[in-house]
N, C-alpha and C. Protein backbone atom coordinates (compact mmCIF):
# COMPACT_ATOMS: atom_id res chain seq x y z
N MET A 1 30.30 -34.50 71.12
CA MET A 1 29.49 -35.78 70.51
C MET A 1 28.48 -35.44 69.33
N ILE A 2 27.62 -34.05 69.87
CA ILE A 2 26.63 -33.62 69.03
C ILE A 2 27.26 -32.35 67.68
N ARG A 3 28.36 -31.97 68.27
CA ARG A 3 29.33 -30.79 67.24
C ARG A 3 29.39 -31.94 66.41
N SER A 4 30.25 -33.21 66.54
CA SER A 4 30.81 -33.94 65.25
C SER A 4 29.55 -34.32 64.60
N LEU A 5 28.29 -34.84 65.26
CA LEU A 5 27.45 -35.24 64.36
C LEU A 5 26.70 -34.27 63.85
N ALA A 6 26.56 -33.31 63.80
CA ALA A 6 26.30 -31.88 63.09
C ALA A 6 27.25 -31.48 61.99
N ILE A 7 28.82 -31.61 61.94
CA ILE A 7 29.84 -31.75 61.02
C ILE A 7 29.39 -32.86 60.27
N ALA A 8 29.39 -33.60 60.44
CA ALA A 8 29.02 -35.04 59.79
C ALA A 8 28.24 -35.04 58.63
N ALA A 9 26.90 -34.44 59.70
CA ALA A 9 25.69 -34.12 58.74
C ALA A 9 26.17 -33.01 57.75
N ALA A 10 26.06 -31.86 57.88
CA ALA A 10 26.70 -30.57 57.17
C ALA A 10 27.74 -31.56 55.90
N LEU A 11 28.75 -32.06 56.15
CA LEU A 11 29.39 -32.61 55.35
C LEU A 11 28.52 -33.84 54.10
N VAL A 12 27.70 -34.54 54.63
CA VAL A 12 26.92 -35.40 53.76
C VAL A 12 25.96 -34.69 52.83
N CYS A 13 25.60 -33.33 53.10
CA CYS A 13 24.55 -32.32 52.95
C CYS A 13 25.46 -31.98 51.57
N VAL A 14 26.79 -31.56 51.72
CA VAL A 14 27.50 -30.71 50.82
C VAL A 14 27.93 -32.02 49.61
N ALA A 15 28.31 -33.15 50.12
CA ALA A 15 28.61 -34.18 49.44
C ALA A 15 27.30 -34.45 48.34
N GLN A 16 26.00 -34.62 48.68
CA GLN A 16 24.75 -34.78 48.25
C GLN A 16 24.37 -33.44 46.96
N ALA A 17 24.84 -32.40 47.39
CA ALA A 17 24.81 -31.14 46.60
C ALA A 17 25.76 -31.34 45.18
N SER A 18 26.96 -31.59 45.57
CA SER A 18 27.99 -32.22 44.68
C SER A 18 27.81 -33.00 43.65
N GLN A 19 26.38 -33.76 43.51
CA GLN A 19 26.42 -34.50 42.84
C GLN A 19 24.68 -34.34 41.82
N ALA A 20 24.71 -32.87 41.57
CA ALA A 20 23.83 -32.70 41.44
C ALA A 20 23.44 -32.62 39.55
N GLN A 21 22.30 -32.62 39.16
CA GLN A 21 21.86 -32.99 37.61
C GLN A 21 23.25 -32.46 37.17
N GLU A 22 23.48 -32.81 35.64
CA GLU A 22 24.04 -32.52 34.66
C GLU A 22 23.60 -32.82 33.40
N GLN A 23 23.76 -31.91 32.38
CA GLN A 23 23.03 -32.50 31.12
C GLN A 23 23.89 -32.97 30.13
N GLN A 24 23.49 -33.94 29.65
CA GLN A 24 24.36 -34.75 28.18
C GLN A 24 23.32 -34.90 27.12
N SER A 25 23.82 -35.51 26.31
CA SER A 25 22.79 -35.79 24.85
C SER A 25 22.57 -37.49 24.95
N PHE A 26 21.48 -37.49 24.28
CA PHE A 26 21.15 -39.04 24.39
C PHE A 26 22.19 -40.41 23.75
N LYS A 27 22.69 -39.53 22.53
CA LYS A 27 23.93 -40.39 22.39
C LYS A 27 25.04 -40.63 22.70
N SER A 28 25.59 -39.63 23.56
CA SER A 28 26.53 -39.80 24.30
C SER A 28 26.41 -41.02 25.68
N LEU A 29 25.02 -40.98 26.07
CA LEU A 29 24.74 -41.64 27.43
C LEU A 29 24.43 -42.91 26.53
N ILE A 30 23.86 -43.69 25.74
CA ILE A 30 23.90 -44.97 25.30
C ILE A 30 25.37 -45.37 24.68
N GLY A 31 26.46 -44.78 24.51
CA GLY A 31 27.82 -44.64 24.14
C GLY A 31 28.39 -45.14 25.61
N ARG A 32 28.01 -44.43 26.78
CA ARG A 32 28.53 -44.53 27.94
C ARG A 32 27.81 -46.30 28.52
N GLY A 33 26.91 -46.68 28.12
CA GLY A 33 26.51 -47.98 28.23
C GLY A 33 24.87 -47.72 29.35
N PHE A 34 24.19 -46.57 29.21
CA PHE A 34 23.47 -46.62 29.67
C PHE A 34 22.09 -47.16 29.09
N GLU A 35 20.79 -47.91 29.50
CA GLU A 35 20.05 -48.35 28.97
C GLU A 35 18.64 -47.76 28.73
N ILE A 36 17.85 -47.91 27.75
CA ILE A 36 16.74 -47.60 28.42
C ILE A 36 15.70 -48.47 28.71
N LYS A 37 15.05 -47.79 29.87
CA LYS A 37 14.39 -48.38 30.96
C LYS A 37 13.04 -48.19 30.93
N ASN A 38 12.48 -46.98 29.87
CA ASN A 38 11.12 -46.65 29.91
C ASN A 38 10.76 -45.83 28.68
N VAL A 39 9.71 -45.49 28.22
CA VAL A 39 9.49 -44.64 27.31
C VAL A 39 7.98 -44.18 27.51
N SER A 40 7.76 -43.36 27.85
CA SER A 40 6.62 -42.79 27.98
C SER A 40 6.10 -41.48 26.91
N PHE A 41 4.83 -41.65 26.45
CA PHE A 41 4.10 -40.60 25.53
C PHE A 41 3.56 -39.56 26.46
N VAL A 42 3.64 -38.57 26.37
CA VAL A 42 2.97 -37.45 26.61
C VAL A 42 1.77 -36.42 25.98
N ARG A 43 0.62 -36.93 26.39
CA ARG A 43 -0.49 -35.92 25.58
C ARG A 43 -0.43 -34.84 25.44
N GLY A 44 -0.57 -34.47 24.11
CA GLY A 44 -0.52 -32.78 24.18
C GLY A 44 -1.11 -31.43 24.99
N ASP A 45 -2.72 -32.46 25.76
CA ASP A 45 -3.63 -31.52 26.62
C ASP A 45 -2.93 -31.57 27.84
N VAL A 46 -1.61 -32.27 28.37
CA VAL A 46 -1.17 -32.10 29.64
C VAL A 46 0.55 -31.77 29.94
N SER A 47 0.69 -31.22 28.24
CA SER A 47 1.97 -31.02 28.24
C SER A 47 2.09 -29.28 27.13
N GLU A 48 1.44 -28.53 27.71
CA GLU A 48 0.86 -27.25 26.94
C GLU A 48 0.97 -27.39 25.30
N ASN A 49 0.01 -28.05 25.21
CA ASN A 49 -0.16 -28.57 23.75
C ASN A 49 0.93 -28.89 23.05
N ARG A 50 1.63 -29.70 23.51
CA ARG A 50 3.05 -29.87 22.62
C ARG A 50 2.80 -31.66 23.10
N GLU A 51 2.84 -32.93 22.24
CA GLU A 51 3.18 -34.10 22.16
C GLU A 51 4.43 -34.41 22.28
N ALA A 52 4.89 -34.97 23.45
CA ALA A 52 6.29 -35.55 23.72
C ALA A 52 6.68 -36.84 24.34
N PHE A 53 8.18 -37.03 24.30
CA PHE A 53 8.22 -38.57 24.70
C PHE A 53 9.29 -38.45 25.59
N ILE A 54 9.08 -39.09 26.85
CA ILE A 54 10.23 -38.84 27.92
C ILE A 54 10.52 -40.35 28.37
N VAL A 55 12.00 -40.39 27.67
CA VAL A 55 12.69 -41.65 27.76
C VAL A 55 13.57 -41.51 29.18
N THR A 56 13.45 -42.60 29.62
CA THR A 56 14.55 -42.85 30.96
C THR A 56 15.25 -44.03 30.82
N LEU A 57 16.48 -43.51 31.07
CA LEU A 57 17.70 -44.30 31.02
C LEU A 57 18.30 -44.79 32.34
N GLN A 58 18.98 -45.87 32.42
CA GLN A 58 19.86 -46.31 33.87
C GLN A 58 21.35 -46.53 33.51
N ARG A 59 22.32 -46.85 34.19
CA ARG A 59 23.27 -47.61 34.24
C ARG A 59 23.88 -47.42 35.80
N GLU A 60 24.04 -48.63 36.36
CA GLU A 60 24.22 -48.80 37.61
C GLU A 60 23.39 -48.00 38.40
N LYS A 61 23.58 -47.54 39.18
CA LYS A 61 22.94 -46.20 40.05
C LYS A 61 22.57 -44.68 39.55
N SER A 62 23.07 -44.71 38.38
CA SER A 62 22.88 -43.13 37.74
C SER A 62 21.96 -43.69 36.84
N VAL A 63 20.83 -42.25 36.98
CA VAL A 63 19.51 -42.08 36.02
C VAL A 63 19.65 -40.80 34.98
N ALA A 64 19.29 -41.20 33.78
CA ALA A 64 18.96 -40.37 33.10
C ALA A 64 17.50 -39.75 32.71
N VAL A 65 16.67 -38.68 32.55
CA VAL A 65 15.49 -38.41 31.95
C VAL A 65 15.73 -37.51 30.55
N CYS A 66 15.15 -38.02 29.40
CA CYS A 66 15.48 -37.54 28.45
C CYS A 66 14.38 -36.94 27.62
N PHE A 67 14.44 -35.81 27.39
CA PHE A 67 12.77 -35.00 26.97
C PHE A 67 12.82 -34.79 25.26
N PHE A 68 12.13 -35.48 24.68
CA PHE A 68 11.69 -34.91 23.43
C PHE A 68 10.49 -35.02 22.36
N SER A 69 10.37 -33.94 21.64
CA SER A 69 9.02 -33.55 20.89
C SER A 69 8.71 -35.04 20.31
N ALA A 70 7.65 -35.08 20.04
CA ALA A 70 7.07 -35.92 19.23
C ALA A 70 7.86 -36.55 18.22
N ASN A 71 7.96 -35.30 16.80
CA ASN A 71 8.62 -35.18 16.23
C ASN A 71 10.03 -35.62 16.33
N ALA A 72 10.46 -35.15 16.85
CA ALA A 72 11.85 -35.61 17.18
C ALA A 72 12.35 -36.71 17.32
N TRP A 73 11.59 -37.43 18.34
CA TRP A 73 11.82 -39.15 18.84
C TRP A 73 11.32 -39.99 17.96
N VAL A 74 10.82 -39.60 16.80
CA VAL A 74 10.26 -40.35 15.20
C VAL A 74 11.54 -40.06 14.53
N THR A 75 11.88 -39.17 14.29
CA THR A 75 12.72 -38.74 13.35
C THR A 75 14.31 -39.36 13.69
N LEU A 76 14.38 -39.07 15.16
CA LEU A 76 15.77 -39.42 15.69
C LEU A 76 17.06 -39.02 14.93
N SER A 77 16.87 -37.67 14.43
CA SER A 77 18.30 -37.12 13.57
C SER A 77 19.38 -36.73 14.63
N ASN A 78 20.27 -37.02 13.95
CA ASN A 78 22.15 -36.59 14.58
C ASN A 78 21.76 -35.53 15.84
N THR A 79 21.00 -34.55 14.88
CA THR A 79 20.95 -33.01 15.53
C THR A 79 20.28 -33.13 16.85
N VAL A 80 18.87 -34.00 16.95
CA VAL A 80 18.52 -34.48 18.42
C VAL A 80 19.14 -35.44 18.98
N LEU A 81 19.58 -36.30 18.50
CA LEU A 81 20.56 -37.51 19.27
C LEU A 81 21.73 -36.85 19.86
N ASP A 82 22.65 -35.69 19.63
CA ASP A 82 23.74 -35.24 19.95
C ASP A 82 23.52 -33.70 20.78
N ASP A 83 22.33 -33.21 20.82
CA ASP A 83 21.95 -32.47 21.88
C ASP A 83 22.31 -32.34 22.75
N PRO A 84 23.16 -31.91 23.82
CA PRO A 84 23.45 -31.67 25.14
C PRO A 84 22.86 -31.25 26.25
N LYS A 85 21.39 -30.81 25.76
CA LYS A 85 20.52 -30.25 26.56
C LYS A 85 19.39 -31.33 26.93
N ARG A 86 19.16 -32.28 26.23
CA ARG A 86 17.96 -33.22 26.24
C ARG A 86 17.53 -34.00 27.12
N CYS A 87 18.95 -34.41 27.86
CA CYS A 87 18.90 -35.28 29.15
C CYS A 87 19.44 -34.72 30.16
N ASP A 88 18.88 -35.04 31.53
CA ASP A 88 18.86 -34.47 32.75
C ASP A 88 19.52 -35.91 33.23
N VAL A 89 21.22 -35.60 34.05
CA VAL A 89 21.68 -37.20 34.40
C VAL A 89 21.65 -36.91 36.01
N ARG A 90 21.71 -37.95 36.51
CA ARG A 90 21.52 -37.87 38.01
C ARG A 90 22.46 -39.30 38.71
């Protein structure tokens, strides 16, 4: 019985590890139905003198967090929106 529980616990850990973060573009996430849940402004004094916007998105049980410099968020150019390394998805 204890051995079965240990094996089950190990399988759960492996399953959770396989759900690691992936990176995707902001535009692809919006296209997949993610909704913006929050936009936070981070002042330069707490982010290595870089002002930035942190955008949190959600779709069902999936969550994405995107990081944009203040200038990139204001301009929202296609280059920025299509960058596959802007958002971490879990």
